[in-house]
C-alpha cells in the first residue's frame, strides 16, 4: 500500500503540473481554449486570472513533490497538500464544472485515503 499512495500522489502532482501549464502557458492557445471551451477574446481578457490560478496549481505541485521527497517523514505534508487538492476539487465542482470533482478531486481523494491507511 505504501508504494501505491506514493505513485498516486505523484500522479496528482503530474496532473496539477498539466493544469498549471494549461492555465499559465496554453490558456490563449488552441489547446487551452479547446480544453476549457473558451472563445479567443474571452481567453485573452482572462489571461492574467488564469495565470494566477495556474500559479496556485504550481504551489500544490511544489507541496506534493516536497512531501514525496521527504520519504516516510513527508506523510503529514502529503496529507495537507492532498487535502488542499480535494477541497479545490470540491469547490471547483460546485462553482465551475462537476467534471472537476472527477478530474482533480477523485485522484487526490484516493491518494489521501491510501496515505492515511
N, C-alpha and C. Protein backbone atom coordinates (compact mmCIF):
# COMPACT_ATOMS: atom_id res chain seq x y z
N UNK A 1 0.82 -1.19 0.00
CA UNK A 1 0.00 0.00 0.00
C UNK A 1 0.86 1.26 0.00
N UNK A 2 2.02 1.16 0.62
CA UNK A 2 2.93 2.31 0.70
C UNK A 2 3.29 2.81 -0.70
N UNK A 3 3.66 1.94 -1.57
CA UNK A 3 4.06 2.33 -2.92
C UNK A 3 2.87 2.90 -3.69
N UNK A 4 1.70 2.33 -3.51
CA UNK A 4 0.51 2.79 -4.24
C UNK A 4 0.19 4.24 -3.91
N UNK A 5 0.25 4.63 -2.65
CA UNK A 5 -0.10 6.01 -2.32
C UNK A 5 0.96 6.98 -2.81
N UNK A 6 2.21 6.56 -2.85
CA UNK A 6 3.26 7.43 -3.39
C UNK A 6 3.08 7.62 -4.90
N UNK A 7 2.77 6.54 -5.59
CA UNK A 7 2.56 6.63 -7.04
C UNK A 7 1.35 7.51 -7.34
N UNK A 8 0.27 7.30 -6.61
CA UNK A 8 -0.94 8.11 -6.85
C UNK A 8 -0.71 9.58 -6.50
N UNK A 9 0.06 9.84 -5.46
CA UNK A 9 0.40 11.22 -5.12
C UNK A 9 1.23 11.85 -6.24
N UNK A 10 2.15 11.09 -6.81
CA UNK A 10 2.94 11.59 -7.94
C UNK A 10 2.05 11.85 -9.15
N UNK A 11 1.05 11.01 -9.37
CA UNK A 11 0.10 11.23 -10.47
C UNK A 11 -0.67 12.54 -10.25
N UNK A 12 -1.10 12.79 -9.02
CA UNK A 12 -1.80 14.04 -8.70
C UNK A 12 -0.88 15.23 -8.98
N UNK A 13 0.39 15.12 -8.60
CA UNK A 13 1.34 16.20 -8.87
C UNK A 13 1.51 16.41 -10.37
N UNK A 14 1.59 15.33 -11.13
CA UNK A 14 1.70 15.46 -12.59
C UNK A 14 0.45 16.09 -13.20
N UNK A 15 -0.72 15.70 -12.73
CA UNK A 15 -1.96 16.31 -13.21
C UNK A 15 -1.95 17.81 -12.96
N UNK A 16 -1.51 18.22 -11.79
CA UNK A 16 -1.50 19.64 -11.47
C UNK A 16 -0.40 20.40 -12.22
N UNK A 17 0.64 19.70 -12.58
CA UNK A 17 1.65 20.31 -13.46
C UNK A 17 1.01 20.61 -14.82
N UNK A 18 0.22 19.67 -15.30
CA UNK A 18 -0.50 19.85 -16.57
C UNK A 18 -1.51 21.00 -16.46
N UNK A 19 -2.27 21.05 -15.36
CA UNK A 19 -3.23 22.13 -15.17
C UNK A 19 -2.51 23.48 -15.13
N UNK A 20 -1.36 23.51 -14.45
CA UNK A 20 -0.58 24.74 -14.37
C UNK A 20 -0.18 25.19 -15.76
N UNK A 21 0.31 24.27 -16.57
CA UNK A 21 0.74 24.62 -17.93
C UNK A 21 -0.45 25.10 -18.77
N UNK A 22 -1.59 24.43 -18.64
CA UNK A 22 -2.78 24.86 -19.39
C UNK A 22 -3.15 26.29 -19.03
N UNK A 23 -3.10 26.62 -17.76
CA UNK A 23 -3.56 27.93 -17.30
C UNK A 23 -2.50 29.01 -17.48
N UNK A 24 -1.24 28.68 -17.37
CA UNK A 24 -0.20 29.71 -17.45
C UNK A 24 0.38 29.88 -18.86
N UNK A 25 0.40 28.82 -19.64
CA UNK A 25 1.07 28.86 -20.94
C UNK A 25 0.08 28.74 -22.09
N UNK A 26 -0.86 27.82 -21.98
CA UNK A 26 -1.72 27.48 -23.12
C UNK A 26 -3.11 28.09 -23.08
N UNK A 27 -3.42 28.92 -22.10
CA UNK A 27 -4.75 29.47 -21.92
C UNK A 27 -5.30 30.13 -23.20
N UNK A 28 -4.49 30.92 -23.87
CA UNK A 28 -4.95 31.64 -25.06
C UNK A 28 -4.63 30.89 -26.36
N UNK A 29 -4.00 29.76 -26.25
CA UNK A 29 -3.64 28.97 -27.42
C UNK A 29 -4.70 27.90 -27.68
N UNK A 30 -4.66 27.29 -28.86
CA UNK A 30 -5.71 26.32 -29.20
C UNK A 30 -5.92 25.22 -28.15
N UNK A 31 -4.85 24.66 -27.59
CA UNK A 31 -5.01 23.60 -26.59
C UNK A 31 -5.80 24.09 -25.39
N UNK A 32 -5.41 25.22 -24.84
CA UNK A 32 -6.10 25.77 -23.67
C UNK A 32 -7.53 26.16 -23.97
N UNK A 33 -7.74 26.83 -25.11
CA UNK A 33 -9.10 27.25 -25.46
C UNK A 33 -10.01 26.05 -25.68
N UNK A 34 -9.48 25.00 -26.32
CA UNK A 34 -10.29 23.79 -26.55
C UNK A 34 -10.58 23.08 -25.23
N UNK A 35 -9.57 22.95 -24.38
CA UNK A 35 -9.73 22.26 -23.10
C UNK A 35 -10.81 22.92 -22.24
N UNK A 36 -10.80 24.25 -22.20
CA UNK A 36 -11.73 24.97 -21.34
C UNK A 36 -12.94 25.53 -22.09
N UNK A 37 -13.02 25.29 -23.40
CA UNK A 37 -14.15 25.77 -24.18
C UNK A 37 -14.23 27.28 -24.25
N UNK A 38 -13.10 27.92 -24.50
CA UNK A 38 -13.03 29.38 -24.47
C UNK A 38 -13.00 29.98 -25.87
N UNK A 39 -13.64 31.12 -26.02
CA UNK A 39 -13.50 31.91 -27.24
C UNK A 39 -12.22 32.74 -27.10
N UNK A 40 -11.60 33.04 -28.22
CA UNK A 40 -10.30 33.71 -28.21
C UNK A 40 -10.32 35.03 -27.43
N UNK A 41 -11.37 35.85 -27.62
CA UNK A 41 -11.42 37.14 -26.94
C UNK A 41 -11.57 36.99 -25.43
N UNK A 42 -12.36 36.00 -25.00
CA UNK A 42 -12.51 35.75 -23.57
C UNK A 42 -11.20 35.24 -22.98
N UNK A 43 -10.55 34.32 -23.68
CA UNK A 43 -9.27 33.78 -23.19
C UNK A 43 -8.26 34.90 -23.02
N UNK A 44 -8.21 35.79 -23.97
CA UNK A 44 -7.24 36.90 -23.90
C UNK A 44 -7.57 37.83 -22.74
N UNK A 45 -8.85 38.11 -22.53
CA UNK A 45 -9.23 39.06 -21.47
C UNK A 45 -9.09 38.44 -20.07
N UNK A 46 -9.01 37.12 -19.98
CA UNK A 46 -8.87 36.47 -18.67
C UNK A 46 -7.50 35.82 -18.48
N UNK A 47 -6.58 36.15 -19.35
CA UNK A 47 -5.25 35.55 -19.33
C UNK A 47 -4.57 35.70 -17.97
N UNK A 48 -4.59 36.88 -17.39
CA UNK A 48 -3.92 37.11 -16.11
C UNK A 48 -4.57 36.31 -14.99
N UNK A 49 -5.90 36.23 -15.00
CA UNK A 49 -6.59 35.44 -13.97
C UNK A 49 -6.21 33.97 -14.07
N UNK A 50 -6.16 33.46 -15.30
CA UNK A 50 -5.79 32.06 -15.50
C UNK A 50 -4.36 31.80 -15.06
N UNK A 51 -3.47 32.73 -15.37
CA UNK A 51 -2.07 32.55 -14.97
C UNK A 51 -1.96 32.53 -13.44
N UNK A 52 -2.72 33.36 -12.77
CA UNK A 52 -2.72 33.37 -11.31
C UNK A 52 -3.22 32.03 -10.77
N UNK A 53 -4.28 31.52 -11.35
CA UNK A 53 -4.81 30.22 -10.95
C UNK A 53 -3.78 29.12 -11.21
N UNK A 54 -3.10 29.22 -12.34
CA UNK A 54 -2.05 28.24 -12.66
C UNK A 54 -0.93 28.27 -11.65
N UNK A 55 -0.59 29.46 -11.19
CA UNK A 55 0.46 29.59 -10.19
C UNK A 55 0.09 28.83 -8.92
N UNK A 56 -1.17 28.93 -8.52
CA UNK A 56 -1.62 28.20 -7.33
C UNK A 56 -1.53 26.69 -7.55
N UNK A 57 -1.84 26.24 -8.75
CA UNK A 57 -1.65 24.82 -9.05
C UNK A 57 -0.18 24.44 -8.92
N UNK A 58 0.70 25.35 -9.32
CA UNK A 58 2.14 25.11 -9.16
C UNK A 58 2.54 24.98 -7.70
N UNK A 59 1.91 25.77 -6.83
CA UNK A 59 2.20 25.64 -5.40
C UNK A 59 1.75 24.28 -4.87
N UNK A 60 0.62 23.78 -5.37
CA UNK A 60 0.17 22.44 -4.96
C UNK A 60 1.18 21.39 -5.42
N UNK A 61 1.68 21.54 -6.64
CA UNK A 61 2.70 20.61 -7.15
C UNK A 61 3.93 20.66 -6.25
N UNK A 62 4.38 21.86 -5.93
CA UNK A 62 5.57 22.01 -5.10
C UNK A 62 5.38 21.31 -3.75
N UNK A 63 4.22 21.48 -3.15
CA UNK A 63 3.96 20.84 -1.86
C UNK A 63 3.91 19.33 -1.96
N UNK A 64 3.28 18.82 -3.01
CA UNK A 64 3.21 17.36 -3.18
C UNK A 64 4.59 16.77 -3.43
N UNK A 65 5.37 17.43 -4.27
CA UNK A 65 6.74 16.94 -4.55
C UNK A 65 7.59 17.03 -3.29
N UNK A 66 7.44 18.10 -2.55
CA UNK A 66 8.17 18.25 -1.28
C UNK A 66 7.81 17.09 -0.35
N UNK A 67 6.52 16.77 -0.24
CA UNK A 67 6.10 15.65 0.60
C UNK A 67 6.66 14.32 0.12
N UNK A 68 6.70 14.14 -1.19
CA UNK A 68 7.27 12.90 -1.74
C UNK A 68 8.77 12.81 -1.46
N UNK A 69 9.46 13.93 -1.57
CA UNK A 69 10.91 13.94 -1.37
C UNK A 69 11.30 13.69 0.09
N UNK A 70 10.39 13.91 1.01
CA UNK A 70 10.68 13.71 2.43
C UNK A 70 10.59 12.24 2.83
N UNK A 71 10.16 11.39 1.92
CA UNK A 71 10.04 9.97 2.25
C UNK A 71 8.97 9.73 3.29
N UNK A 72 9.23 8.81 4.20
CA UNK A 72 8.25 8.48 5.24
C UNK A 72 7.89 9.69 6.10
N UNK A 73 8.83 10.57 6.32
CA UNK A 73 8.58 11.75 7.15
C UNK A 73 7.65 12.74 6.47
N UNK A 74 7.42 12.58 5.17
CA UNK A 74 6.58 13.52 4.42
C UNK A 74 5.10 13.22 4.46
N UNK A 75 4.69 12.22 5.23
CA UNK A 75 3.27 11.88 5.32
C UNK A 75 2.38 13.06 5.66
N UNK A 76 2.68 13.80 6.73
CA UNK A 76 1.83 14.94 7.08
C UNK A 76 1.81 16.02 5.97
N UNK A 77 2.92 16.22 5.32
CA UNK A 77 2.97 17.20 4.22
C UNK A 77 2.07 16.74 3.07
N UNK A 78 2.17 15.46 2.73
CA UNK A 78 1.33 14.92 1.66
C UNK A 78 -0.15 14.99 2.03
N UNK A 79 -0.47 14.68 3.27
CA UNK A 79 -1.86 14.75 3.72
C UNK A 79 -2.38 16.19 3.58
N UNK A 80 -1.61 17.16 3.99
CA UNK A 80 -2.04 18.55 3.90
C UNK A 80 -2.30 18.96 2.44
N UNK A 81 -1.33 18.72 1.56
CA UNK A 81 -1.47 19.17 0.18
C UNK A 81 -2.51 18.35 -0.59
N UNK A 82 -2.62 17.07 -0.32
CA UNK A 82 -3.69 16.29 -0.95
C UNK A 82 -5.05 16.78 -0.45
N UNK A 83 -5.14 17.12 0.82
CA UNK A 83 -6.39 17.69 1.34
C UNK A 83 -6.74 18.99 0.65
N UNK A 84 -5.74 19.83 0.40
CA UNK A 84 -5.97 21.08 -0.34
C UNK A 84 -6.51 20.79 -1.74
N UNK A 85 -5.97 19.79 -2.40
CA UNK A 85 -6.43 19.44 -3.75
C UNK A 85 -7.87 18.92 -3.69
N UNK A 86 -8.19 18.11 -2.70
CA UNK A 86 -9.56 17.60 -2.57
C UNK A 86 -10.53 18.77 -2.38
N UNK A 87 -10.20 19.70 -1.50
CA UNK A 87 -11.05 20.86 -1.26
C UNK A 87 -11.20 21.68 -2.54
N UNK A 88 -10.10 21.89 -3.25
CA UNK A 88 -10.16 22.64 -4.51
C UNK A 88 -11.04 21.92 -5.53
N UNK A 89 -10.97 20.60 -5.57
CA UNK A 89 -11.80 19.82 -6.48
C UNK A 89 -13.27 19.94 -6.15
N UNK A 90 -13.60 19.90 -4.88
CA UNK A 90 -15.00 20.05 -4.46
C UNK A 90 -15.50 21.45 -4.78
N UNK A 91 -14.70 22.44 -4.45
CA UNK A 91 -15.09 23.83 -4.72
C UNK A 91 -15.25 24.07 -6.22
N UNK A 92 -14.33 23.56 -7.01
CA UNK A 92 -14.43 23.70 -8.46
C UNK A 92 -15.67 23.02 -9.01
N UNK A 93 -15.99 21.86 -8.47
CA UNK A 93 -17.19 21.15 -8.92
C UNK A 93 -18.46 21.93 -8.59
N UNK A 94 -18.48 22.57 -7.44
CA UNK A 94 -19.65 23.32 -7.02
C UNK A 94 -19.79 24.66 -7.75
N UNK A 95 -18.68 25.26 -8.13
CA UNK A 95 -18.72 26.62 -8.68
C UNK A 95 -18.45 26.72 -10.18
N UNK A 96 -17.80 25.71 -10.77
CA UNK A 96 -17.41 25.81 -12.17
C UNK A 96 -18.00 24.68 -13.01
N UNK A 97 -17.58 23.44 -12.70
CA UNK A 97 -17.99 22.30 -13.53
C UNK A 97 -17.84 21.03 -12.70
N UNK A 98 -18.87 20.20 -12.69
CA UNK A 98 -18.83 18.96 -11.90
C UNK A 98 -17.69 18.04 -12.30
N UNK A 99 -17.25 18.14 -13.53
CA UNK A 99 -16.16 17.29 -14.02
C UNK A 99 -14.88 17.48 -13.20
N UNK A 100 -14.71 18.67 -12.64
CA UNK A 100 -13.51 18.95 -11.84
C UNK A 100 -13.42 18.00 -10.65
N UNK A 101 -14.55 17.61 -10.10
CA UNK A 101 -14.54 16.68 -8.97
C UNK A 101 -13.87 15.37 -9.35
N UNK A 102 -14.11 14.91 -10.56
CA UNK A 102 -13.57 13.62 -11.01
C UNK A 102 -12.14 13.73 -11.51
N UNK A 103 -11.83 14.84 -12.18
CA UNK A 103 -10.50 15.01 -12.76
C UNK A 103 -9.48 15.42 -11.70
N UNK A 104 -9.89 16.26 -10.77
CA UNK A 104 -8.98 16.80 -9.77
C UNK A 104 -9.21 16.18 -8.39
N UNK A 105 -10.44 16.18 -7.94
CA UNK A 105 -10.73 15.75 -6.58
C UNK A 105 -10.61 14.27 -6.33
N UNK A 106 -11.11 13.45 -7.26
CA UNK A 106 -11.10 12.00 -7.05
C UNK A 106 -9.69 11.40 -6.94
N UNK A 107 -8.78 11.73 -7.88
CA UNK A 107 -7.42 11.17 -7.72
C UNK A 107 -6.77 11.59 -6.40
N UNK A 108 -6.99 12.85 -6.01
CA UNK A 108 -6.41 13.32 -4.74
C UNK A 108 -7.07 12.62 -3.55
N UNK A 109 -8.38 12.41 -3.61
CA UNK A 109 -9.07 11.72 -2.52
C UNK A 109 -8.58 10.28 -2.38
N UNK A 110 -8.36 9.62 -3.52
CA UNK A 110 -7.84 8.25 -3.48
C UNK A 110 -6.42 8.24 -2.88
N UNK A 111 -5.59 9.16 -3.33
CA UNK A 111 -4.22 9.24 -2.79
C UNK A 111 -4.25 9.55 -1.30
N UNK A 112 -5.13 10.46 -0.91
CA UNK A 112 -5.25 10.81 0.51
C UNK A 112 -5.70 9.61 1.33
N UNK A 113 -6.70 8.90 0.83
CA UNK A 113 -7.19 7.73 1.54
C UNK A 113 -6.10 6.68 1.71
N UNK A 114 -5.34 6.43 0.65
CA UNK A 114 -4.24 5.45 0.75
C UNK A 114 -3.14 5.93 1.67
N UNK A 115 -2.90 7.24 1.68
CA UNK A 115 -1.88 7.80 2.56
C UNK A 115 -2.25 7.62 4.03
N UNK A 116 -3.54 7.76 4.31
CA UNK A 116 -4.00 7.67 5.68
C UNK A 116 -4.14 6.23 6.20
N UNK A 117 -4.09 5.26 5.31
CA UNK A 117 -4.19 3.85 5.73
C UNK A 117 -2.98 3.40 6.53
